[in-house]
Every structure is written in structure tokens, then in C-alpha cells.
Protein backbone atom coordinates (compact mmCIF):
# COMPACT_ATOMS: atom_id res chain seq x y z
CA MET A 1 -21.22 -108.94 -50.51
CA ASP A 2 -22.68 -105.40 -49.43
CA ARG A 3 -20.72 -104.74 -46.36
CA HIS A 4 -21.25 -101.68 -44.12
CA HIS A 5 -18.45 -100.42 -41.57
CA LEU A 6 -18.97 -98.89 -38.35
CA PHE A 7 -16.56 -96.22 -38.38
CA PRO A 8 -15.48 -94.14 -35.36
CA ALA A 9 -16.98 -90.77 -35.14
CA ASP A 10 -13.74 -89.11 -34.88
CA LEU A 11 -12.68 -90.56 -38.29
CA ILE A 12 -15.92 -89.69 -39.91
CA ARG A 13 -15.56 -86.00 -38.72
CA ALA A 14 -11.83 -85.79 -40.17
CA GLN A 15 -13.05 -87.26 -43.33
CA GLN A 16 -15.89 -84.81 -43.41
CA GLN A 17 -13.44 -81.73 -42.77
CA TRP A 18 -11.18 -82.99 -45.24
CA HIS A 19 -13.98 -83.04 -47.86
CA ASP A 20 -14.88 -79.61 -46.81
CA THR A 21 -11.34 -78.41 -46.91
CA TYR A 22 -10.75 -79.79 -50.50
CA ARG A 23 -14.01 -78.04 -51.71
CA ALA A 24 -12.84 -74.73 -50.13
CA LEU A 25 -9.44 -75.09 -51.98
CA ALA A 26 -11.27 -76.18 -55.28
CA ILE A 27 -13.23 -72.77 -55.76
CA PRO A 28 -11.72 -70.23 -57.99
CA ARG A 29 -9.21 -68.10 -56.39
CA PRO A 30 -9.55 -69.35 -52.83
CA ARG A 31 -8.63 -67.17 -49.82
CA HIS A 32 -6.04 -68.42 -47.31
CA THR A 33 -4.71 -71.08 -49.84
CA THR A 34 -1.62 -71.93 -47.72
CA GLU A 35 -3.70 -72.35 -44.43
CA LEU A 36 -6.30 -74.60 -46.38
CA ARG A 37 -3.48 -76.78 -47.79
CA ARG A 38 -1.71 -77.22 -44.59
CA ARG A 39 -5.12 -78.27 -43.04
CA LEU A 40 -5.73 -80.61 -45.64
CA LEU A 41 -2.40 -82.39 -45.20
CA ARG A 42 -2.95 -82.62 -41.52
CA LEU A 43 -6.38 -84.16 -41.95
CA SER A 44 -4.87 -86.50 -44.44
CA VAL A 45 -2.24 -87.71 -42.11
CA ARG A 46 -4.85 -87.90 -39.26
CA ILE A 47 -7.22 -90.17 -41.53
CA HIS A 48 -4.23 -92.31 -42.90
CA TRP A 49 -2.70 -93.26 -39.45
CA HIS A 50 -6.12 -93.59 -37.62
CA PRO A 51 -6.04 -96.81 -35.36
CA PHE A 52 -9.34 -98.04 -37.23
CA TRP A 53 -7.39 -99.05 -40.14
CA SER A 54 -5.50 -101.63 -38.07
CA THR A 55 -8.54 -103.33 -36.94
CA PRO A 56 -9.94 -106.37 -39.07
CA ALA A 57 -12.69 -104.10 -40.51
CA GLY A 58 -10.56 -101.37 -41.45
CA ARG A 59 -7.96 -103.48 -43.24
CA THR A 60 -9.86 -103.72 -46.57
CA PRO A 61 -9.42 -101.29 -49.31
CA ALA A 62 -13.20 -101.35 -49.49
CA ALA A 63 -13.39 -99.69 -45.98
CA ARG A 64 -11.41 -96.62 -47.24
CA VAL A 65 -13.66 -96.40 -50.32
CA GLU A 66 -16.83 -96.66 -48.03
CA LEU A 67 -15.60 -94.00 -45.75
CA ARG A 68 -14.94 -91.29 -48.62
CA GLN A 69 -18.22 -92.28 -50.32
CA ARG A 70 -20.26 -92.01 -47.21
CA THR A 71 -18.79 -88.75 -46.03
CA ALA A 72 -18.63 -86.99 -49.36
CA ASP A 73 -22.26 -86.28 -49.47
CA GLY A 74 -22.55 -85.49 -45.76
CA ARG A 75 -24.05 -88.60 -44.44
CA THR A 76 -22.90 -89.93 -41.11
CA ARG A 77 -24.56 -93.02 -40.50
CA GLY A 78 -22.64 -95.82 -39.29
CA ALA A 79 -20.63 -93.86 -36.35
CA ALA A 80 -19.56 -96.11 -33.62
């Protein structure tokens, strides 16, 4: 079953920022490494504990995968 979730806009933004920060850390010899790692950790916590995951739509592992896939390439469709 192909299911598309309607993610809250703040959750989508946080996941996009997570991807951006991760990419910034992945470049050779990144600048401000400590700051980027701290930001990545804060975003990870924000995403992990977002209230959406307590809803029926967010309780499936597929929802987390879909959020990561949808935001990895910059698409933002499906924001509530």
C-alpha cells in the first residue's frame, strides 16, 4: 500500500535542516565542526520527540522513512 503522510511544516523544516547540517559535516575538512555537531544533535532530538510521532499516522516506521526520503532531495509536498 502506497501511503503518503501529511507531515507538519515544522517537522519537515527540521528534517531538511538536519540533512543540510549533515551534508555540511560530510565535506572534507568542514569548518565549525563542533557547532555543526551540536546543531545536528539538537535537530535529531527535535525530530525524534516531535508530537507527530504520537499520532496514528506517525506511529509506523514507514512514516519516518518517508519523511527522510521526502526531505533528502528538498521536496516539501505534504506539509499540513
